[in-house]
C-alpha atoms as a PDB file:
ATOM      1  CA  MET A   1      51.122 106.595  61.481  1.00  0.00           C
ATOM      2  CA  SER A   2      50.506 104.399  58.442  1.00  0.00           C
ATOM      3  CA  GLN A   3      51.153 104.658  54.732  1.00  0.00           C
ATOM      4  CA  LEU A   4      49.365 103.986  51.469  1.00  0.00           C
ATOM      5  CA  SER A   5      51.423 102.403  48.725  1.00  0.00           C
ATOM      6  CA  LEU A   6      51.232 103.730  45.204  1.00  0.00           C
ATOM      7  CA  PRO A   7      51.759 100.853  42.707  1.00  0.00           C
ATOM      8  CA  LEU A   8      53.235 102.699  39.727  1.00  0.00           C
ATOM      9  CA  ASP A   9      55.678 101.529  37.082  1.00  0.00           C
ATOM     10  CA  ARG A  10      59.134 102.853  37.998  1.00  0.00           C
ATOM     11  CA  PRO A  11      62.746 102.108  37.066  1.00  0.00           C
ATOM     12  CA  ALA A  12      64.488  99.161  38.674  1.00  0.00           C
ATOM     13  CA  GLY A  13      66.108 100.141  41.946  1.00  0.00           C
ATOM     14  CA  ALA A  14      63.981 103.276  42.439  1.00  0.00           C
ATOM     15  CA  ARG A  15      62.366 103.792  45.845  1.00  0.00           C
ATOM     16  CA  GLU A  16      58.578 103.564  46.003  1.00  0.00           C
ATOM     17  CA  ASP A  17      56.464 106.599  46.777  1.00  0.00           C
ATOM     18  CA  HIS A  18      54.149 106.240  49.752  1.00  0.00           C
ATOM     19  CA  PHE A  19      51.453 108.532  50.997  1.00  0.00           C
ATOM     20  CA  LEU A  20      52.003 108.788  54.739  1.00  0.00           C
ATOM     21  CA  VAL A  21      48.857 108.904  56.846  1.00  0.00           C
ATOM     22  CA  GLY A  22      48.722 110.900  60.082  1.00  0.00           C
ATOM     23  CA  GLN A  23      46.303 113.012  62.061  1.00  0.00           C
ATOM     24  CA  ALA A  24      46.486 115.801  59.479  1.00  0.00           C
ATOM     25  CA  ASN A  25      45.095 113.702  56.625  1.00  0.00           C
ATOM     26  CA  GLU A  26      43.516 110.609  58.197  1.00  0.00           C
ATOM     27  CA  ARG A  27      39.931 111.814  57.858  1.00  0.00           C
ATOM     28  CA  ALA A  28      40.505 112.686  54.206  1.00  0.00           C
ATOM     29  CA  VAL A  29      41.945 109.244  53.496  1.00  0.00           C
ATOM     30  CA  GLN A  30      39.082 107.462  55.253  1.00  0.00           C
ATOM     31  CA  MET A  31      36.468 109.440  53.349  1.00  0.00           C
ATOM     32  CA  LEU A  32      38.125 108.833  49.984  1.00  0.00           C
ATOM     33  CA  ASP A  33      38.596 105.131  50.689  1.00  0.00           C
ATOM     34  CA  ARG A  34      34.825 104.803  51.151  1.00  0.00           C
ATOM     35  CA  TRP A  35      34.129 106.048  47.629  1.00  0.00           C
ATOM     36  CA  ALA A  36      31.407 103.445  47.084  1.00  0.00           C
ATOM     37  CA  THR A  37      29.296 105.176  49.753  1.00  0.00           C
ATOM     38  CA  TRP A  38      29.647 108.714  48.388  1.00  0.00           C
ATOM     39  CA  PRO A  39      26.349 110.467  47.585  1.00  0.00           C
ATOM     40  CA  VAL A  40      27.851 111.261  44.159  1.00  0.00           C
ATOM     41  CA  MET A  41      30.824 109.724  42.348  1.00  0.00           C
ATOM     42  CA  THR A  42      33.034 112.817  42.546  1.00  0.00           C
ATOM     43  CA  ALA A  43      35.121 114.136  45.445  1.00  0.00           C
ATOM     44  CA  ILE A  44      37.255 117.249  45.841  1.00  0.00           C
ATOM     45  CA  ILE A  45      40.708 116.980  47.450  1.00  0.00           C
ATOM     46  CA  THR A  46      42.271 120.144  48.828  1.00  0.00           C
ATOM     47  CA  GLY A  47      45.313 120.848  50.944  1.00  0.00           C
ATOM     48  CA  PRO A  48      48.447 122.976  51.295  1.00  0.00           C
ATOM     49  CA  ARG A  49      51.138 122.945  48.629  1.00  0.00           C
ATOM     50  CA  LYS A  50      53.233 119.752  48.621  1.00  0.00           C
ATOM     51  CA  SER A  51      50.784 118.055  51.001  1.00  0.00           C
ATOM     52  CA  GLY A  52      50.630 114.986  48.760  1.00  0.00           C
ATOM     53  CA  ARG A  53      47.094 115.685  47.582  1.00  0.00           C
ATOM     54  CA  SER A  54      47.897 114.601  43.994  1.00  0.00           C
ATOM     55  CA  LEU A  55      49.747 111.518  45.236  1.00  0.00           C
ATOM     56  CA  LEU A  56      46.743 110.648  47.408  1.00  0.00           C
ATOM     57  CA  ALA A  57      44.427 111.062  44.419  1.00  0.00           C
ATOM     58  CA  ARG A  58      46.575 108.779  42.249  1.00  0.00           C
ATOM     59  CA  THR A  59      46.725 106.244  45.055  1.00  0.00           C
ATOM     60  CA  MET A  60      42.942 106.221  45.254  1.00  0.00           C
ATOM     61  CA  VAL A  61      42.679 105.915  41.479  1.00  0.00           C
ATOM     62  CA  ALA A  62      44.857 102.793  41.641  1.00  0.00           C
ATOM     63  CA  ARG A  63      42.645 101.359  44.399  1.00  0.00           C
ATOM     64  CA  SER A  64      39.273 102.254  42.890  1.00  0.00           C
ATOM     65  CA  GLY A  65      39.787 102.250  39.126  1.00  0.00           C
ATOM     66  CA  GLY A  66      38.654 105.859  39.022  1.00  0.00           C
ATOM     67  CA  ALA A  67      40.090 108.975  37.420  1.00  0.00           C
ATOM     68  CA  VAL A  68      41.786 112.147  38.624  1.00  0.00           C
ATOM     69  CA  ILE A  69      41.867 115.734  37.377  1.00  0.00           C
ATOM     70  CA  ASP A  70      44.754 117.717  38.830  1.00  0.00           C
ATOM     71  CA  ASP A  71      44.581 121.496  39.272  1.00  0.00           C
ATOM     72  CA  ALA A  72      40.837 121.196  38.735  1.00  0.00           C
ATOM     73  CA  ASP A  73      40.228 124.806  39.729  1.00  0.00           C
ATOM     74  CA  LEU A  74      42.362 125.889  36.763  1.00  0.00           C
ATOM     75  CA  GLN A  75      40.656 123.668  34.176  1.00  0.00           C
ATOM     76  CA  SER A  76      37.826 124.347  31.769  1.00  0.00           C
ATOM     77  CA  GLU A  77      34.519 124.420  33.641  1.00  0.00           C
ATOM     78  CA  THR A  78      32.759 122.834  30.664  1.00  0.00           C
ATOM     79  CA  MET A  79      35.238 119.943  30.709  1.00  0.00           C
ATOM     80  CA  LEU A  80      34.744 119.496  34.469  1.00  0.00           C
ATOM     81  CA  PHE A  81      30.977 119.545  34.047  1.00  0.00           C
ATOM     82  CA  HIS A  82      31.090 116.711  31.499  1.00  0.00           C
ATOM     83  CA  ALA A  83      33.643 114.748  33.565  1.00  0.00           C
ATOM     84  CA  TRP A  84      31.413 115.043  36.633  1.00  0.00           C
ATOM     85  CA  ASN A  85      28.408 113.759  34.694  1.00  0.00           C
ATOM     86  CA  GLU A  86      30.413 110.922  33.148  1.00  0.00           C
ATOM     87  CA  ALA A  87      31.585 109.771  36.575  1.00  0.00           C
ATOM     88  CA  GLN A  88      27.971 109.480  37.702  1.00  0.00           C
ATOM     89  CA  SER A  89      26.761 107.632  34.615  1.00  0.00           C
ATOM     90  CA  GLU A  90      29.650 105.159  34.760  1.00  0.00           C
ATOM     91  CA  ARG A  91      29.634 104.876  38.586  1.00  0.00           C
ATOM     92  CA  ARG A  92      33.389 105.450  38.401  1.00  0.00           C
ATOM     93  CA  PRO A  93      34.898 107.714  41.079  1.00  0.00           C
ATOM     94  CA  LEU A  94      36.387 111.015  39.979  1.00  0.00           C
ATOM     95  CA  PHE A  95      38.944 112.781  42.197  1.00  0.00           C
ATOM     96  CA  LEU A  96      39.285 116.535  41.677  1.00  0.00           C
ATOM     97  CA  VAL A  97      42.481 118.026  43.126  1.00  0.00           C
ATOM     98  CA  ALA A  98      42.195 121.764  43.774  1.00  0.00           C
ATOM     99  CA  ASN A  99      43.709 124.549  45.828  1.00  0.00           C
ATOM    100  CA  ASP A 100      40.329 125.362  47.360  1.00  0.00           C
ATOM    101  CA  ALA A 101      36.792 124.064  47.399  1.00  0.00           C
ATOM    102  CA  PRO A 102      33.744 126.159  46.524  1.00  0.00           C
ATOM    103  CA  PRO A 103      32.881 128.880  47.460  1.00  0.00           C
ATOM    104  CA  GLU A 104      36.609 129.819  47.711  1.00  0.00           C
ATOM    105  CA  TRP A 105      36.930 128.126  44.324  1.00  0.00           C
ATOM    106  CA  ASP A 106      34.923 130.629  42.301  1.00  0.00           C
ATOM    107  CA  VAL A 107      32.888 128.577  39.830  1.00  0.00           C
ATOM    108  CA  LYS A 108      31.088 130.590  37.141  1.00  0.00           C
ATOM    109  CA  LEU A 109      29.012 127.820  35.532  1.00  0.00           C
ATOM    110  CA  PRO A 110      25.839 127.388  37.654  1.00  0.00           C
ATOM    111  CA  ASP A 111      25.298 123.727  36.752  1.00  0.00           C
ATOM    112  CA  LEU A 112      28.891 122.874  37.693  1.00  0.00           C
ATOM    113  CA  ARG A 113      28.673 124.943  40.881  1.00  0.00           C
ATOM    114  CA  SER A 114      25.659 122.955  42.086  1.00  0.00           C
ATOM    115  CA  ARG A 115      27.327 119.645  41.267  1.00  0.00           C
ATOM    116  CA  LEU A 116      30.521 120.540  43.090  1.00  0.00           C
ATOM    117  CA  ALA A 117      28.484 121.704  46.080  1.00  0.00           C
ATOM    118  CA  SER A 118      27.084 118.177  46.374  1.00  0.00           C
ATOM    119  CA  SER A 119      30.516 116.523  46.086  1.00  0.00           C
ATOM    120  CA  PRO A 120      32.304 115.227  49.222  1.00  0.00           C
ATOM    121  CA  LEU A 121      35.320 117.240  50.343  1.00  0.00           C
ATOM    122  CA  ALA A 122      38.595 115.689  51.537  1.00  0.00           C
ATOM    123  CA  ARG A 123      40.717 118.372  53.172  1.00  0.00           C
ATOM    124  CA  ILE A 124      44.369 117.822  54.138  1.00  0.00           C
ATOM    125  CA  ASP A 125      45.693 119.987  56.981  1.00  0.00           C
ATOM    126  CA  GLU A 126      49.263 121.060  57.705  1.00  0.00           C
ATOM    127  CA  PRO A 127      51.274 118.130  59.154  1.00  0.00           C
ATOM    128  CA  ASP A 128      51.121 117.097  62.791  1.00  0.00           C
ATOM    129  CA  ASP A 129      54.394 116.351  64.591  1.00  0.00           C
ATOM    130  CA  ALA A 130      54.541 112.633  63.797  1.00  0.00           C
ATOM    131  CA  LEU A 131      53.608 113.120  60.154  1.00  0.00           C
ATOM    132  CA  ALA A 132      56.166 115.917  59.706  1.00  0.00           C
ATOM    133  CA  VAL A 133      58.949 113.685  61.023  1.00  0.00           C
ATOM    134  CA  GLY A 134      57.738 110.805  58.855  1.00  0.00           C
ATOM    135  CA  ILE A 135      57.773 112.939  55.708  1.00  0.00           C
ATOM    136  CA  LEU A 136      61.299 114.194  56.384  1.00  0.00           C
ATOM    137  CA  ARG A 137      62.541 110.671  57.133  1.00  0.00           C
ATOM    138  CA  GLN A 138      60.883 109.350  53.973  1.00  0.00           C
ATOM    139  CA  PHE A 139      62.674 112.038  51.953  1.00  0.00           C
ATOM    140  CA  PHE A 140      65.987 111.052  53.555  1.00  0.00           C
ATOM    141  CA  ASP A 141      65.331 107.388  52.793  1.00  0.00           C
ATOM    142  CA  ARG A 142      64.413 108.028  49.156  1.00  0.00           C
ATOM    143  CA  HIS A 143      67.568 110.087  48.654  1.00  0.00           C
ATOM    144  CA  GLU A 144      69.771 107.773  50.721  1.00  0.00           C
ATOM    145  CA  LEU A 145      70.621 110.383  53.342  1.00  0.00           C
ATOM    146  CA  VAL A 146      71.678 109.037  56.742  1.00  0.00           C
ATOM    147  CA  ALA A 147      70.461 110.987  59.768  1.00  0.00           C
ATOM    148  CA  GLN A 148      70.320 109.900  63.397  1.00  0.00           C
ATOM    149  CA  ASP A 149      67.277 110.686  65.540  1.00  0.00           C
ATOM    150  CA  ASP A 150      68.975 113.661  67.197  1.00  0.00           C
ATOM    151  CA  VAL A 151      69.655 115.268  63.815  1.00  0.00           C
ATOM    152  CA  VAL A 152      66.051 114.827  62.691  1.00  0.00           C
ATOM    153  CA  ALA A 153      64.765 116.202  66.005  1.00  0.00           C
ATOM    154  CA  TRP A 154      67.110 119.208  65.773  1.00  0.00           C
ATOM    155  CA  VAL A 155      65.941 120.009  62.256  1.00  0.00           C
ATOM    156  CA  MET A 156      62.243 119.632  63.054  1.00  0.00           C
ATOM    157  CA  ARG A 157      62.472 122.021  66.010  1.00  0.00           C
ATOM    158  CA  ARG A 158      63.893 124.755  63.787  1.00  0.00           C
ATOM    159  CA  ILE A 159      61.954 124.721  60.527  1.00  0.00           C
ATOM    160  CA  GLU A 160      58.438 125.836  59.675  1.00  0.00           C
ATOM    161  CA  ARG A 161      55.931 123.021  60.171  1.00  0.00           C
ATOM    162  CA  THR A 162      54.582 123.049  56.627  1.00  0.00           C
ATOM    163  CA  TYR A 163      54.817 120.520  53.803  1.00  0.00           C
ATOM    164  CA  LEU A 164      56.576 123.031  51.582  1.00  0.00           C
ATOM    165  CA  SER A 165      59.176 123.872  54.226  1.00  0.00           C
ATOM    166  CA  ILE A 166      59.872 120.180  54.897  1.00  0.00           C
ATOM    167  CA  LEU A 167      60.404 119.559  51.174  1.00  0.00           C
ATOM    168  CA  ARG A 168      62.697 122.566  50.788  1.00  0.00           C
ATOM    169  CA  THR A 169      64.648 121.460  53.855  1.00  0.00           C
ATOM    170  CA  GLY A 170      65.153 117.984  52.446  1.00  0.00           C
ATOM    171  CA  GLU A 171      66.178 119.343  49.059  1.00  0.00           C
ATOM    172  CA  ALA A 172      68.712 121.738  50.607  1.00  0.00           C
ATOM    173  CA  LEU A 173      70.262 118.982  52.722  1.00  0.00           C
ATOM    174  CA  GLU A 174      70.342 116.573  49.774  1.00  0.00           C
ATOM    175  CA  GLU A 175      71.988 119.145  47.517  1.00  0.00           C
ATOM    176  CA  ASP A 176      74.635 119.877  50.144  1.00  0.00           C
ATOM    177  CA  ALA A 177      75.259 116.168  50.766  1.00  0.00           C
ATOM    178  CA  SER A 178      75.746 115.612  47.041  1.00  0.00           C
ATOM    179  CA  ARG A 179      78.188 118.501  46.868  1.00  0.00           C
ATOM    180  CA  ARG A 180      80.122 117.163  49.874  1.00  0.00           C
ATOM    181  CA  ARG A 181      79.872 113.581  48.557  1.00  0.00           C
ATOM    182  CA  ASN A 182      78.889 112.535  52.050  1.00  0.00           C
ATOM    183  CA  ARG A 183      75.364 111.198  52.626  1.00  0.00           C
ATOM    184  CA  ARG A 184      75.650 111.297  56.416  1.00  0.00           C
ATOM    185  CA  LEU A 185      74.039 114.331  58.054  1.00  0.00           C
ATOM    186  CA  SER A 186      75.102 115.936  61.322  1.00  0.00           C
ATOM    187  CA  ILE A 187      73.746 118.847  63.333  1.00  0.00           C
ATOM    188  CA  PRO A 188      76.660 121.164  62.376  1.00  0.00           C
ATOM    189  CA  THR A 189      76.268 120.450  58.662  1.00  0.00           C
ATOM    190  CA  ALA A 190      72.477 120.782  58.885  1.00  0.00           C
ATOM    191  CA  ARG A 191      72.823 124.077  60.733  1.00  0.00           C
ATOM    192  CA  ALA A 192      75.224 125.501  58.159  1.00  0.00           C
ATOM    193  CA  THR A 193      73.155 124.311  55.199  1.00  0.00           C
ATOM    194  CA  LEU A 194      69.772 125.458  56.473  1.00  0.00           C
ATOM    195  CA  THR A 195      71.112 128.776  57.724  1.00  0.00           C
ATOM    196  CA  GLY A 196      72.590 129.444  54.304  1.00  0.00           C
ATOM    197  CA  ALA A 197      69.299 128.496  52.666  1.00  0.00           C
ATOM    198  CA  GLY A 198      67.313 130.754  55.007  1.00  0.00           C
ATOM    199  CA  LEU A 199      65.164 127.867  56.216  1.00  0.00           C
ATOM    200  CA  LEU A 200      65.729 128.094  59.984  1.00  0.00           C
ATOM    201  CA  ARG A 201      63.064 129.847  62.031  1.00  0.00           C
ATOM    202  CA  ASP A 202      65.782 130.817  64.542  1.00  0.00           C
ATOM    203  CA  ALA A 203      69.092 131.022  62.719  1.00  0.00           C
ATOM    204  CA  GLY A 204      70.854 131.843  65.995  1.00  0.00           C
ATOM    205  CA  ALA A 205      69.596 128.780  67.849  1.00  0.00           C
ATOM    206  CA  SER A 206      72.288 126.584  69.296  1.00  0.00           C
ATOM    207  CA  GLY A 207      72.406 122.914  70.251  1.00  0.00           C
END
């Protein structure tokens, strides 16, 4: 598993954000990174909630000098039409982040629909095992939570394998650690916290 760095201005001492690359998103990353070979200068990025699709788009903007439109499926179709055309005329990549791609993304404007149909699609899937662990560990690192391998393994066996569930798990553990004023996680504390938050798939699991 690798990671893409996102060079953004941030306060001194803050941890950097990285987009972690695994089997679930590797093909999307490779396609986006080859933007100069796209048939058109616009690509659509889709994926589950909290999958890092917007972070990936901003990373690619920093690497390519392009532009991004977040929540593209909720924006004005006329605005998207003109942005698509501008990207072609300027040969400057445009990254559209959306919940779905056409035809699931119901586009009313025929000229925009045809343009989006010709745009490459980068789809992020739900995380594979290695990526899921990496995302949880990155959250712990950013929030200065200390967890041994056995704690991480215990948590990962008992939560839903989705980006949203991993984020909610990290937030629940971080909130509890802040309340306890103890950044070190253990299986008993993780069990109590995640059971109380309703995040365990099997709340009665032991070990």
